[in-house]
Amino acid sequence: MSGAPEGFPYRVRKNGDVEVRHHGRPAVVLRGAAAARFLTDVETEDPQELMARVTGQYKHGNERTAKQHPRTRQR
């Protein structure tokens, strides 16, 4: 399993909205200023990482720390 995001295609709708899908399912629809900002950022950044951030489908880096938290420790 690689750490790089994958499986995020996007399409621009006729009305200017941007639909981002994750493994074939709709994940998020960006409208207005968010859609415009996404379209400019997708040209300069890594598209897969950008879509992972926009949809929230990425690791935050705190999984190991959270595992040791008192609420989630095995009893």
PDB file of N, CA and C in Angstrom:
ATOM      1  N   MET A   1       0.840  -1.165   0.000  1.00  0.00           N
ATOM      2  CA  MET A   1       0.000   0.000   0.000  1.00  0.00           C
ATOM      3  C   MET A   1       0.891   1.236   0.000  1.00  0.00           C
ATOM      4  N   SER A   2       0.718   2.078  -0.984  1.00  0.00           N
ATOM      5  CA  SER A   2       1.557   3.271  -1.069  1.00  0.00           C
ATOM      6  C   SER A   2       0.911   4.429  -0.331  1.00  0.00           C
ATOM      7  N   GLY A   3       1.719   5.406   0.036  1.00  0.00           N
ATOM      8  CA  GLY A   3       1.221   6.563   0.748  1.00  0.00           C
ATOM      9  C   GLY A   3       0.645   7.623  -0.171  1.00  0.00           C
ATOM     10  N   ALA A   4       0.831   7.481  -1.472  1.00  0.00           N
ATOM     11  CA  ALA A   4       0.333   8.474  -2.413  1.00  0.00           C
ATOM     12  C   ALA A   4      -1.158   8.279  -2.652  1.00  0.00           C
ATOM     13  N   PRO A   5      -1.919   9.379  -2.657  1.00  0.00           N
ATOM     14  CA  PRO A   5      -3.342   9.248  -2.917  1.00  0.00           C
ATOM     15  C   PRO A   5      -3.590   8.846  -4.367  1.00  0.00           C
ATOM     16  N   GLU A   6      -4.643   8.110  -4.583  1.00  0.00           N
ATOM     17  CA  GLU A   6      -5.015   7.715  -5.937  1.00  0.00           C
ATOM     18  C   GLU A   6      -6.517   7.489  -5.975  1.00  0.00           C
ATOM     19  N   GLY A   7      -7.060   7.458  -7.186  1.00  0.00           N
ATOM     20  CA  GLY A   7      -8.481   7.184  -7.341  1.00  0.00           C
ATOM     21  C   GLY A   7      -9.361   8.409  -7.229  1.00  0.00           C
ATOM     22  N   PHE A   8      -8.818   9.592  -7.541  1.00  0.00           N
ATOM     23  CA  PHE A   8      -9.584  10.826  -7.459  1.00  0.00           C
ATOM     24  C   PHE A   8      -9.713  11.484  -8.826  1.00  0.00           C
ATOM     25  N   PRO A   9     -10.708  11.129  -9.612  1.00  0.00           N
ATOM     26  CA  PRO A   9     -10.955  11.898 -10.836  1.00  0.00           C
ATOM     27  C   PRO A   9     -11.874  13.082 -10.519  1.00  0.00           C
ATOM     28  N   TYR A  10     -11.857  14.089 -11.368  1.00  0.00           N
ATOM     29  CA  TYR A  10     -12.783  15.202 -11.205  1.00  0.00           C
ATOM     30  C   TYR A  10     -13.320  15.602 -12.566  1.00  0.00           C
ATOM     31  N   ARG A  11     -14.450  16.296 -12.550  1.00  0.00           N
ATOM     32  CA  ARG A  11     -15.004  16.811 -13.790  1.00  0.00           C
ATOM     33  C   ARG A  11     -15.661  18.150 -13.501  1.00  0.00           C
ATOM     34  N   VAL A  12     -15.644  19.002 -14.510  1.00  0.00           N
ATOM     35  CA  VAL A  12     -16.270  20.315 -14.395  1.00  0.00           C
ATOM     36  C   VAL A  12     -17.644  20.214 -15.036  1.00  0.00           C
ATOM     37  N   ARG A  13     -18.654  20.574 -14.286  1.00  0.00           N
ATOM     38  CA  ARG A  13     -20.023  20.543 -14.797  1.00  0.00           C
ATOM     39  C   ARG A  13     -20.287  21.773 -15.664  1.00  0.00           C
ATOM     40  N   LYS A  14     -21.389  21.744 -16.425  1.00  0.00           N
ATOM     41  CA  LYS A  14     -21.749  22.852 -17.305  1.00  0.00           C
ATOM     42  C   LYS A  14     -21.916  24.163 -16.548  1.00  0.00           C
ATOM     43  N   ASN A  15     -22.413  24.092 -15.318  1.00  0.00           N
ATOM     44  CA  ASN A  15     -22.665  25.309 -14.539  1.00  0.00           C
ATOM     45  C   ASN A  15     -21.420  25.808 -13.809  1.00  0.00           C
ATOM     46  N   GLY A  16     -20.273  25.146 -13.969  1.00  0.00           N
ATOM     47  CA  GLY A  16     -19.033  25.586 -13.351  1.00  0.00           C
ATOM     48  C   GLY A  16     -18.679  24.864 -12.067  1.00  0.00           C
ATOM     49  N   ASP A  17     -19.581  24.052 -11.549  1.00  0.00           N
ATOM     50  CA  ASP A  17     -19.283  23.268 -10.353  1.00  0.00           C
ATOM     51  C   ASP A  17     -18.239  22.210 -10.689  1.00  0.00           C
ATOM     52  N   VAL A  18     -17.462  21.822  -9.694  1.00  0.00           N
ATOM     53  CA  VAL A  18     -16.460  20.771  -9.865  1.00  0.00           C
ATOM     54  C   VAL A  18     -16.863  19.596  -8.987  1.00  0.00           C
ATOM     55  N   GLU A  19     -17.004  18.436  -9.609  1.00  0.00           N
ATOM     56  CA  GLU A  19     -17.356  17.219  -8.884  1.00  0.00           C
ATOM     57  C   GLU A  19     -16.113  16.353  -8.758  1.00  0.00           C
ATOM     58  N   VAL A  20     -15.737  16.045  -7.528  1.00  0.00           N
ATOM     59  CA  VAL A  20     -14.590  15.177  -7.261  1.00  0.00           C
ATOM     60  C   VAL A  20     -15.139  13.830  -6.818  1.00  0.00           C
ATOM     61  N   ARG A  21     -14.635  12.772  -7.434  1.00  0.00           N
ATOM     62  CA  ARG A  21     -15.086  11.421  -7.104  1.00  0.00           C
ATOM     63  C   ARG A  21     -13.941  10.671  -6.442  1.00  0.00           C
ATOM     64  N   HIS A  22     -14.303   9.700  -5.619  1.00  0.00           N
ATOM     65  CA  HIS A  22     -13.304   8.864  -4.958  1.00  0.00           C
ATOM     66  C   HIS A  22     -13.687   7.413  -5.197  1.00  0.00           C
ATOM     67  N   HIS A  23     -12.867   6.717  -5.951  1.00  0.00           N
ATOM     68  CA  HIS A  23     -13.123   5.323  -6.332  1.00  0.00           C
ATOM     69  C   HIS A  23     -14.509   5.152  -6.935  1.00  0.00           C
ATOM     70  N   GLY A  24     -14.871   6.064  -7.831  1.00  0.00           N
ATOM     71  CA  GLY A  24     -16.116   5.946  -8.576  1.00  0.00           C
ATOM     72  C   GLY A  24     -17.346   6.523  -7.900  1.00  0.00           C
ATOM     73  N   ARG A  25     -17.221   6.982  -6.677  1.00  0.00           N
ATOM     74  CA  ARG A  25     -18.369   7.546  -5.966  1.00  0.00           C
ATOM     75  C   ARG A  25     -18.170   9.045  -5.769  1.00  0.00           C
ATOM     76  N   PRO A  26     -19.242   9.822  -5.854  1.00  0.00           N
ATOM     77  CA  PRO A  26     -19.104  11.263  -5.616  1.00  0.00           C
ATOM     78  C   PRO A  26     -18.623  11.527  -4.192  1.00  0.00           C
ATOM     79  N   ALA A  27     -17.578  12.322  -4.054  1.00  0.00           N
ATOM     80  CA  ALA A  27     -17.028  12.627  -2.736  1.00  0.00           C
ATOM     81  C   ALA A  27     -17.381  14.045  -2.317  1.00  0.00           C
ATOM     82  N   VAL A  28     -17.269  14.996  -3.246  1.00  0.00           N
ATOM     83  CA  VAL A  28     -17.546  16.393  -2.912  1.00  0.00           C
ATOM     84  C   VAL A  28     -17.874  17.150  -4.191  1.00  0.00           C
ATOM     85  N   VAL A  29     -18.717  18.172  -4.052  1.00  0.00           N
ATOM     86  CA  VAL A  29     -19.011  19.083  -5.152  1.00  0.00           C
ATOM     87  C   VAL A  29     -18.596  20.469  -4.702  1.00  0.00           C
ATOM     88  N   LEU A  30     -17.708  21.074  -5.464  1.00  0.00           N
ATOM     89  CA  LEU A  30     -17.232  22.415  -5.154  1.00  0.00           C
ATOM     90  C   LEU A  30     -17.990  23.414  -6.023  1.00  0.00           C
ATOM     91  N   ARG A  31     -18.446  24.489  -5.398  1.00  0.00           N
ATOM     92  CA  ARG A  31     -19.210  25.501  -6.114  1.00  0.00           C
ATOM     93  C   ARG A  31     -18.585  26.875  -5.928  1.00  0.00           C
ATOM     94  N   GLY A  32     -18.837  27.753  -6.856  1.00  0.00           N
ATOM     95  CA  GLY A  32     -18.446  29.151  -6.740  1.00  0.00           C
ATOM     96  C   GLY A  32     -16.949  29.356  -6.609  1.00  0.00           C
ATOM     97  N   ALA A  33     -16.576  30.137  -5.579  1.00  0.00           N
ATOM     98  CA  ALA A  33     -15.175  30.498  -5.377  1.00  0.00           C
ATOM     99  C   ALA A  33     -14.316  29.271  -5.080  1.00  0.00           C
ATOM    100  N   ALA A  34     -14.862  28.302  -4.369  1.00  0.00           N
ATOM    101  CA  ALA A  34     -14.097  27.084  -4.063  1.00  0.00           C
ATOM    102  C   ALA A  34     -13.764  26.323  -5.344  1.00  0.00           C
ATOM    103  N   ALA A  35     -14.707  26.270  -6.280  1.00  0.00           N
ATOM    104  CA  ALA A  35     -14.472  25.588  -7.554  1.00  0.00           C
ATOM    105  C   ALA A  35     -13.421  26.329  -8.369  1.00  0.00           C
ATOM    106  N   ALA A  36     -13.497  27.645  -8.397  1.00  0.00           N
ATOM    107  CA  ALA A  36     -12.513  28.439  -9.143  1.00  0.00           C
ATOM    108  C   ALA A  36     -11.125  28.280  -8.548  1.00  0.00           C
ATOM    109  N   ARG A  37     -11.027  28.309  -7.218  1.00  0.00           N
ATOM    110  CA  ARG A  37      -9.740  28.147  -6.541  1.00  0.00           C
ATOM    111  C   ARG A  37      -9.171  26.750  -6.814  1.00  0.00           C
ATOM    112  N   PHE A  38     -10.042  25.736  -6.796  1.00  0.00           N
ATOM    113  CA  PHE A  38      -9.599  24.363  -7.073  1.00  0.00           C
ATOM    114  C   PHE A  38      -9.029  24.259  -8.482  1.00  0.00           C
ATOM    115  N   LEU A  39      -9.709  24.844  -9.453  1.00  0.00           N
ATOM    116  CA  LEU A  39      -9.260  24.737 -10.842  1.00  0.00           C
ATOM    117  C   LEU A  39      -7.929  25.440 -11.071  1.00  0.00           C
ATOM    118  N   THR A  40      -7.662  26.520 -10.359  1.00  0.00           N
ATOM    119  CA  THR A  40      -6.348  27.161 -10.501  1.00  0.00           C
ATOM    120  C   THR A  40      -5.276  26.364  -9.765  1.00  0.00           C
ATOM    121  N   ASP A  41      -5.614  25.812  -8.592  1.00  0.00           N
ATOM    122  CA  ASP A  41      -4.637  25.042  -7.820  1.00  0.00           C
ATOM    123  C   ASP A  41      -4.294  23.709  -8.463  1.00  0.00           C
ATOM    124  N   VAL A  42      -5.240  23.100  -9.157  1.00  0.00           N
ATOM    125  CA  VAL A  42      -4.999  21.777  -9.734  1.00  0.00           C
ATOM    126  C   VAL A  42      -3.941  21.846 -10.842  1.00  0.00           C
ATOM    127  N   GLU A  43      -3.746  23.031 -11.429  1.00  0.00           N
ATOM    128  CA  GLU A  43      -2.735  23.185 -12.473  1.00  0.00           C
ATOM    129  C   GLU A  43      -1.324  23.298 -11.900  1.00  0.00           C
ATOM    130  N   THR A  44      -1.204  23.816 -10.664  1.00  0.00           N
ATOM    131  CA  THR A  44       0.122  24.046 -10.104  1.00  0.00           C
ATOM    132  C   THR A  44       0.535  23.005  -9.070  1.00  0.00           C
ATOM    133  N   GLU A  45      -0.426  22.333  -8.440  1.00  0.00           N
ATOM    134  CA  GLU A  45      -0.123  21.341  -7.404  1.00  0.00           C
ATOM    135  C   GLU A  45      -0.335  19.933  -7.946  1.00  0.00           C
ATOM    136  N   ASP A  46       0.005  18.948  -7.122  1.00  0.00           N
ATOM    137  CA  ASP A  46      -0.262  17.559  -7.470  1.00  0.00           C
ATOM    138  C   ASP A  46      -1.767  17.338  -7.386  1.00  0.00           C
ATOM    139  N   PRO A  47      -2.426  17.011  -8.501  1.00  0.00           N
ATOM    140  CA  PRO A  47      -3.892  16.897  -8.499  1.00  0.00           C
ATOM    141  C   PRO A  47      -4.435  15.868  -7.506  1.00  0.00           C
ATOM    142  N   GLN A  48      -3.757  14.731  -7.366  1.00  0.00           N
ATOM    143  CA  GLN A  48      -4.259  13.697  -6.471  1.00  0.00           C
ATOM    144  C   GLN A  48      -4.189  14.140  -5.016  1.00  0.00           C
ATOM    145  N   GLU A  49      -3.102  14.779  -4.627  1.00  0.00           N
ATOM    146  CA  GLU A  49      -2.991  15.261  -3.251  1.00  0.00           C
ATOM    147  C   GLU A  49      -3.989  16.371  -2.968  1.00  0.00           C
ATOM    148  N   LEU A  50      -4.193  17.244  -3.936  1.00  0.00           N
ATOM    149  CA  LEU A  50      -5.152  18.325  -3.773  1.00  0.00           C
ATOM    150  C   LEU A  50      -6.562  17.776  -3.588  1.00  0.00           C
ATOM    151  N   MET A  51      -6.940  16.803  -4.408  1.00  0.00           N
ATOM    152  CA  MET A  51      -8.281  16.221  -4.290  1.00  0.00           C
ATOM    153  C   MET A  51      -8.429  15.438  -2.995  1.00  0.00           C
ATOM    154  N   ALA A  52      -7.364  14.807  -2.532  1.00  0.00           N
ATOM    155  CA  ALA A  52      -7.420  14.101  -1.254  1.00  0.00           C
ATOM    156  C   ALA A  52      -7.662  15.081  -0.120  1.00  0.00           C
ATOM    157  N   ARG A  53      -6.992  16.226  -0.174  1.00  0.00           N
ATOM    158  CA  ARG A  53      -7.197  17.250   0.856  1.00  0.00           C
ATOM    159  C   ARG A  53      -8.609  17.816   0.804  1.00  0.00           C
ATOM    160  N   VAL A  54      -9.106  18.086  -0.395  1.00  0.00           N
ATOM    161  CA  VAL A  54     -10.434  18.680  -0.559  1.00  0.00           C
ATOM    162  C   VAL A  54     -11.520  17.735  -0.044  1.00  0.00           C
ATOM    163  N   THR A  55     -11.357  16.448  -0.281  1.00  0.00           N
ATOM    164  CA  THR A  55     -12.376  15.489   0.133  1.00  0.00           C
ATOM    165  C   THR A  55     -12.198  15.009   1.562  1.00  0.00           C
ATOM    166  N   GLY A  56     -11.025  15.225   2.140  1.00  0.00           N
ATOM    167  CA  GLY A  56     -10.770  14.743   3.496  1.00  0.00           C
ATOM    168  C   GLY A  56     -10.359  13.290   3.536  1.00  0.00           C
ATOM    169  N   GLN A  57     -10.059  12.699   2.390  1.00  0.00           N
ATOM    170  CA  GLN A  57      -9.673  11.286   2.322  1.00  0.00           C
ATOM    171  C   GLN A  57      -8.158  11.132   2.360  1.00  0.00           C
ATOM    172  N   TYR A  58      -7.558  11.548   3.429  1.00  0.00           N
ATOM    173  CA  TYR A  58      -6.120  11.419   3.575  1.00  0.00           C
ATOM    174  C   TYR A  58      -5.791  11.214   5.041  1.00  0.00           C
ATOM    175  N   LYS A  59      -4.617  10.735   5.314  1.00  0.00           N
ATOM    176  CA  LYS A  59      -4.194  10.520   6.699  1.00  0.00           C
ATOM    177  C   LYS A  59      -3.673  11.830   7.261  1.00  0.00           C
ATOM    178  N   HIS A  60      -3.968  12.069   8.505  1.00  0.00           N
ATOM    179  CA  HIS A  60      -3.600  13.313   9.144  1.00  0.00           C
ATOM    180  C   HIS A  60      -2.246  13.236   9.829  1.00  0.00           C
ATOM    181  N   GLY A  61      -1.690  12.047   9.960  1.00  0.00           N
ATOM    182  CA  GLY A  61      -0.391  11.894  10.585  1.00  0.00           C
ATOM    183  C   GLY A  61      -0.452  11.703  12.088  1.00  0.00           C
ATOM    184  N   ASN A  62      -1.644  11.665  12.653  1.00  0.00           N
ATOM    185  CA  ASN A  62      -1.744  11.535  14.100  1.00  0.00           C
ATOM    186  C   ASN A  62      -2.310  10.176  14.514  1.00  0.00           C
ATOM    187  N   GLU A  63      -2.338   9.236  13.613  1.00  0.00           N
ATOM    188  CA  GLU A  63      -2.925   7.935  13.932  1.00  0.00           C
ATOM    189  C   GLU A  63      -2.147   7.215  15.035  1.00  0.00           C
ATOM    190  N   ARG A  64      -0.824   7.294  15.017  1.00  0.00           N
ATOM    191  CA  ARG A  64      -0.022   6.618  16.019  1.00  0.00           C
ATOM    192  C   ARG A  64      -0.221   7.268  17.393  1.00  0.00           C
ATOM    193  N   THR A  65      -0.284   8.577  17.420  1.00  0.00           N
ATOM    194  CA  THR A  65      -0.498   9.298  18.674  1.00  0.00           C
ATOM    195  C   THR A  65      -1.884   8.990  19.226  1.00  0.00           C
ATOM    196  N   ALA A  66      -2.874   8.974  18.363  1.00  0.00           N
ATOM    197  CA  ALA A  66      -4.244   8.720  18.802  1.00  0.00           C
ATOM    198  C   ALA A  66      -4.399   7.299  19.345  1.00  0.00           C
ATOM    199  N   LYS A  67      -3.604   6.383  18.849  1.00  0.00           N
ATOM    200  CA  LYS A  67      -3.678   4.999  19.314  1.00  0.00           C
ATOM    201  C   LYS A  67      -3.327   4.887  20.801  1.00  0.00           C
ATOM    202  N   GLN A  68      -2.464   5.770  21.269  1.00  0.00           N
ATOM    203  CA  GLN A  68      -2.026   5.745  22.662  1.00  0.00           C
ATOM    204  C   GLN A  68      -2.892   6.602  23.583  1.00  0.00           C
ATOM    205  N   HIS A  69      -3.885   7.277  23.032  1.00  0.00           N
ATOM    206  CA  HIS A  69      -4.743   8.137  23.851  1.00  0.00           C
ATOM    207  C   HIS A  69      -5.555   7.291  24.832  1.00  0.00           C
ATOM    208  N   PRO A  70      -5.768   7.778  26.063  1.00  0.00           N
ATOM    209  CA  PRO A  70      -6.486   6.996  27.073  1.00  0.00           C
ATOM    210  C   PRO A  70      -7.883   6.545  26.643  1.00  0.00           C
ATOM    211  N   ARG A  71      -8.574   7.337  25.837  1.00  0.00           N
ATOM    212  CA  ARG A  71      -9.920   6.940  25.416  1.00  0.00           C
ATOM    213  C   ARG A  71      -9.911   5.783  24.445  1.00  0.00           C
ATOM    214  N   THR A  72      -8.843   5.624  23.673  1.00  0.00           N
ATOM    215  CA  THR A  72      -8.818   4.581  22.655  1.00  0.00           C
ATOM    216  C   THR A  72      -7.957   3.379  22.993  1.00  0.00           C
ATOM    217  N   ARG A  73      -7.279   3.415  24.142  1.00  0.00           N
ATOM    218  CA  ARG A  73      -6.463   2.281  24.560  1.00  0.00           C
ATOM    219  C   ARG A  73      -7.332   1.091  24.883  1.00  0.00           C
ATOM    220  N   GLN A  74      -6.818  -0.090  24.614  1.00  0.00           N
ATOM    221  CA  GLN A  74      -7.538  -1.313  24.953  1.00  0.00           C
ATOM    222  C   GLN A  74      -7.549  -1.480  26.467  1.00  0.00           C
ATOM    223  N   ARG A  75      -8.649  -1.914  26.996  1.00  0.00           N
ATOM    224  CA  ARG A  75      -8.766  -2.081  28.460  1.00  0.00           C
ATOM    225  C   ARG A  75      -8.556  -3.502  28.849  1.00  0.00           C
TER     226      ARG A  75
END
